[in-house]
Each structure stands twice: as structure tokens, then as C-alpha cells.
Amino acid sequence: MDQFVKLAKNTIETYIRDRKIYRPTEDELTDEMINSRAGAFVSIHENGDLRGCIGTIAPCQDNLATEIIANAISASTRDPRFPAIRASELPFLEINVDVLGEPEDISSMDELDVKRYGVIVTKGRRRGLLLPDLEGVDTVEYQVRIARMKAGIRDEEEGVQLSRFEVIRHT
């Protein structure tokens, strides 16, 4: 387990068991965690099934470490698709941390690759994101359709802006 996942795991366990925010020691953090800012997603699976996933497209915290801590708490307790994780579930969780690269606007779906790029679909104030390389998402069309659904943008609506981004996935 790398240090990004360990930070998310310790955060989730501390918050679920004690209702306290995890405060890592300096030696638990990498230079990247302390000195950089980026959007990050924390994904939680239990027995192979999604159990929570929350993240930020752009950085909202002072550094990547606090971004991961905030999103780990949200993924474990505030994902509206799932009830909050219970202490009894903690031993069975699998956690991933995706650190997002800078999004870049693209002009067509031809510039996407579901294994390499995540996608952001925007129309006005509505915006949906889907991470890359997800199980069951095998085509660009399906990837974009899911991102549109997350944003509440119907398939027939035109004039959407597409952006792509790469991630560094920590498992």
C-alpha cells in the first residue's frame, strides 16, 4: 500500500471509529503531498463493489495531503449513493486514490481514450466527471454518456464542452 492510500485509509478509519480528523505525522507524507495542489478522488470498494467515491476536479485545499483527507472523509460518509461506512466494514475496504492532472479542453470525442483519460462534460453550470480506466466502461461513448448523466445533461442536448485529464492512480 503506497503512502497516498495509507493516508486515505488512516483518515477513513480514524473518522469512522473516533469521529476525528486524522492528523498525519510529517514522516507519513511525501514531498508531493505537502508541496503540491491537485484535484483528487478517493474511491472505496467493498468485496469488489463501489462503496463510496468523492473527489475534486481542481484543488480546494492547501495541499494534496489535506485534499486526500477531506475527500476520504466525504467518500466514506457523504456519498449520496451509499449509507455512511460502519466500523464493522473497515477490514473489508479497498481504497484507491486518483490524483488528477490539469484538465484540457478537447474538440471531439476522438481525442479521448477510456483507459488513458478521464472526461469532464460541461454545459452551463452543469458538470459531470468520470475517471479513466473503470471496470465496465469500455467505449468513449459510454464514458461520455455516464459523465453526461452525472451532470444531468440529456443525450440530445447539444453544445457541451468536453475536457480530458490524466490521473495517477494509487492502489
Protein backbone atom coordinates (compact mmCIF):
# COMPACT_ATOMS: atom_id res chain seq x y z
CA MET A 1 0.00 0.00 0.00
CA ASP A 2 1.55 3.30 -1.03
CA GLN A 3 1.57 6.44 1.13
CA PHE A 4 -1.39 8.07 -0.68
CA VAL A 5 -3.62 5.06 0.00
CA LYS A 6 -2.27 4.72 3.55
CA LEU A 7 -3.21 8.37 4.22
CA ALA A 8 -6.75 7.81 2.91
CA LYS A 9 -7.10 4.53 4.85
CA ASN A 10 -5.89 6.04 8.13
CA THR A 11 -8.20 9.01 7.61
CA ILE A 12 -11.24 6.81 6.99
CA GLU A 13 -10.52 4.53 9.95
CA THR A 14 -9.91 7.44 12.34
CA TYR A 15 -13.02 9.29 11.23
CA ILE A 16 -15.33 6.25 11.29
CA ARG A 17 -14.07 4.90 14.63
CA ASP A 18 -13.41 8.13 16.54
CA ARG A 19 -15.20 10.89 14.56
CA LYS A 20 -11.89 12.76 14.49
CA ILE A 21 -9.92 14.13 11.57
CA TYR A 22 -6.70 12.22 11.04
CA ARG A 23 -3.53 14.25 11.62
CA PRO A 24 -0.60 12.53 9.89
CA THR A 25 2.93 12.93 11.11
CA GLU A 26 5.39 14.62 8.78
CA ASP A 27 7.20 11.36 8.01
CA GLU A 28 3.93 9.84 6.73
CA LEU A 29 3.70 12.42 3.96
CA THR A 30 5.63 12.68 0.71
CA ASP A 31 7.03 15.95 -0.62
CA GLU A 32 4.34 15.85 -3.32
CA MET A 33 1.58 15.62 -0.71
CA ILE A 34 2.95 18.60 1.20
CA ASN A 35 4.16 20.85 -1.63
CA SER A 36 1.63 20.38 -4.42
CA ARG A 37 -2.04 21.03 -5.00
CA ALA A 38 -4.29 18.93 -7.25
CA GLY A 39 -7.77 17.56 -7.54
CA ALA A 40 -8.05 14.07 -6.10
CA PHE A 41 -10.63 11.31 -5.85
CA VAL A 42 -10.87 8.71 -3.13
CA SER A 43 -12.66 5.52 -4.22
CA ILE A 44 -13.74 2.87 -1.75
CA HIS A 45 -14.74 -0.67 -2.71
CA GLU A 46 -16.04 -3.48 -0.53
CA ASN A 47 -15.91 -7.02 -1.92
CA GLY A 48 -15.32 -5.56 -5.38
CA ASP A 49 -18.38 -3.28 -5.29
CA LEU A 50 -18.21 0.51 -5.17
CA ARG A 51 -18.93 1.72 -1.64
CA GLY A 52 -18.06 5.41 -1.96
CA CYS A 53 -16.29 7.79 -4.31
CA ILE A 54 -15.87 11.52 -3.84
CA GLY A 55 -13.32 13.90 -5.23
CA THR A 56 -12.45 17.28 -6.56
CA ILE A 57 -11.70 18.29 -10.13
CA ALA A 58 -9.47 21.14 -9.05
CA PRO A 59 -7.70 21.61 -5.73
CA CYS A 60 -9.82 23.01 -2.90
CA GLN A 61 -7.36 22.56 -0.03
CA ASP A 62 -3.94 23.99 0.83
CA ASN A 63 -2.08 20.88 -0.34
CA LEU A 64 -2.61 17.40 -1.72
CA ALA A 65 -2.48 15.76 1.72
CA THR A 66 -5.41 17.82 3.04
CA GLU A 67 -7.24 17.26 -0.28
CA ILE A 68 -6.96 13.48 0.23
CA ILE A 69 -8.02 13.74 3.89
CA ALA A 70 -11.12 15.81 3.07
CA ASN A 71 -12.14 13.56 0.18
CA ALA A 72 -11.55 10.36 2.16
CA ILE A 73 -13.95 11.57 4.84
CA SER A 74 -16.51 12.58 2.22
CA ALA A 75 -16.21 9.31 0.27
CA SER A 76 -16.76 7.27 3.43
CA THR A 77 -19.59 9.30 4.92
CA ARG A 78 -21.15 11.68 2.38
CA ASP A 79 -21.50 9.88 -0.95
CA PRO A 80 -25.26 10.29 -1.53
CA ARG A 81 -25.46 6.90 -3.27
CA PHE A 82 -24.49 4.95 -0.14
CA PRO A 83 -25.01 4.97 3.63
CA ALA A 84 -22.00 6.01 5.70
CA ILE A 85 -19.43 3.29 6.20
CA ARG A 86 -19.70 1.47 9.52
CA ALA A 87 -16.76 0.42 11.71
CA SER A 88 -17.60 -3.25 11.05
CA GLU A 89 -16.85 -2.72 7.34
CA LEU A 90 -13.36 -1.24 7.80
CA PRO A 91 -11.40 -4.53 7.48
CA PHE A 92 -13.03 -5.27 4.11
CA LEU A 93 -12.43 -1.97 2.31
CA GLU A 94 -10.20 -1.48 -0.72
CA ILE A 95 -9.13 2.13 -1.25
CA ASN A 96 -7.74 3.92 -4.30
CA VAL A 97 -6.57 7.50 -4.62
CA ASP A 98 -6.57 9.18 -8.03
CA VAL A 99 -4.58 12.39 -8.37
CA LEU A 100 -5.89 14.39 -11.31
CA GLY A 101 -3.79 16.14 -13.88
CA GLU A 102 -4.79 19.51 -15.27
CA PRO A 103 -7.94 19.24 -17.45
CA GLU A 104 -7.59 20.28 -21.09
CA ASP A 105 -10.45 21.22 -23.41
CA ILE A 106 -10.90 19.00 -26.45
CA SER A 107 -12.92 19.47 -29.62
CA SER A 108 -14.28 15.95 -30.11
CA MET A 109 -14.63 12.52 -28.55
CA ASP A 110 -11.93 11.34 -30.98
CA GLU A 111 -9.40 12.87 -28.56
CA LEU A 112 -10.48 10.57 -25.72
CA ASP A 113 -9.24 7.13 -24.69
CA VAL A 114 -11.20 5.44 -21.85
CA LYS A 115 -8.08 3.75 -20.49
CA ARG A 116 -5.86 6.86 -20.50
CA TYR A 117 -8.14 9.87 -19.98
CA GLY A 118 -10.94 10.82 -17.65
CA VAL A 119 -13.63 13.07 -19.10
CA ILE A 120 -15.45 16.17 -17.91
CA VAL A 121 -18.68 17.15 -19.67
CA THR A 122 -19.89 20.72 -19.09
CA LYS A 123 -22.98 22.64 -20.18
CA GLY A 124 -23.55 25.93 -18.41
CA ARG A 125 -23.31 25.26 -14.67
CA ARG A 126 -23.82 21.52 -15.02
CA ARG A 127 -20.70 19.40 -14.99
CA GLY A 128 -20.08 15.66 -14.79
CA LEU A 129 -16.79 13.78 -14.47
CA LEU A 130 -15.81 10.18 -15.00
CA LEU A 131 -12.41 8.79 -14.10
CA PRO A 132 -10.44 6.75 -16.66
CA ASP A 133 -9.88 3.01 -16.75
CA LEU A 134 -13.03 1.96 -14.89
CA GLU A 135 -14.30 -1.61 -14.99
CA GLY A 136 -17.20 -1.96 -17.43
CA VAL A 137 -16.51 1.34 -19.21
CA ASP A 138 -15.09 0.12 -22.49
CA THR A 139 -16.02 2.81 -25.01
CA VAL A 140 -15.64 6.57 -25.21
CA GLU A 141 -19.35 6.88 -26.00
CA TYR A 142 -20.28 5.06 -22.79
CA GLN A 143 -17.77 7.10 -20.76
CA VAL A 144 -19.24 10.38 -22.05
CA ARG A 145 -22.82 9.14 -21.56
CA ILE A 146 -22.14 8.36 -17.89
CA ALA A 147 -20.49 11.78 -17.36
CA ARG A 148 -23.50 13.46 -19.02
CA MET A 149 -25.89 11.55 -16.74
CA LYS A 150 -23.92 12.60 -13.67
CA ALA A 151 -24.26 16.22 -14.80
CA GLY A 152 -27.94 15.92 -15.65
CA ILE A 153 -27.21 16.65 -19.33
CA ARG A 154 -29.51 14.67 -21.62
CA ASP A 155 -28.02 12.84 -24.62
CA GLU A 156 -29.91 15.02 -27.08
CA GLU A 157 -28.63 18.29 -25.59
CA GLU A 158 -26.05 19.91 -27.83
CA GLY A 159 -23.35 22.47 -27.11
CA VAL A 160 -21.50 20.57 -24.42
CA GLN A 161 -17.84 21.21 -23.69
CA LEU A 162 -15.58 18.18 -23.34
CA SER A 163 -12.37 18.17 -21.33
CA ARG A 164 -9.96 15.36 -20.66
CA PHE A 165 -7.44 14.72 -17.91
CA GLU A 166 -4.99 12.06 -16.90
CA VAL A 167 -4.68 10.58 -13.43
CA ILE A 168 -2.05 8.93 -11.33
CA ARG A 169 -3.85 6.05 -9.63
CA HIS A 170 -2.58 4.91 -6.25
CA THR A 171 -3.71 1.47 -5.11
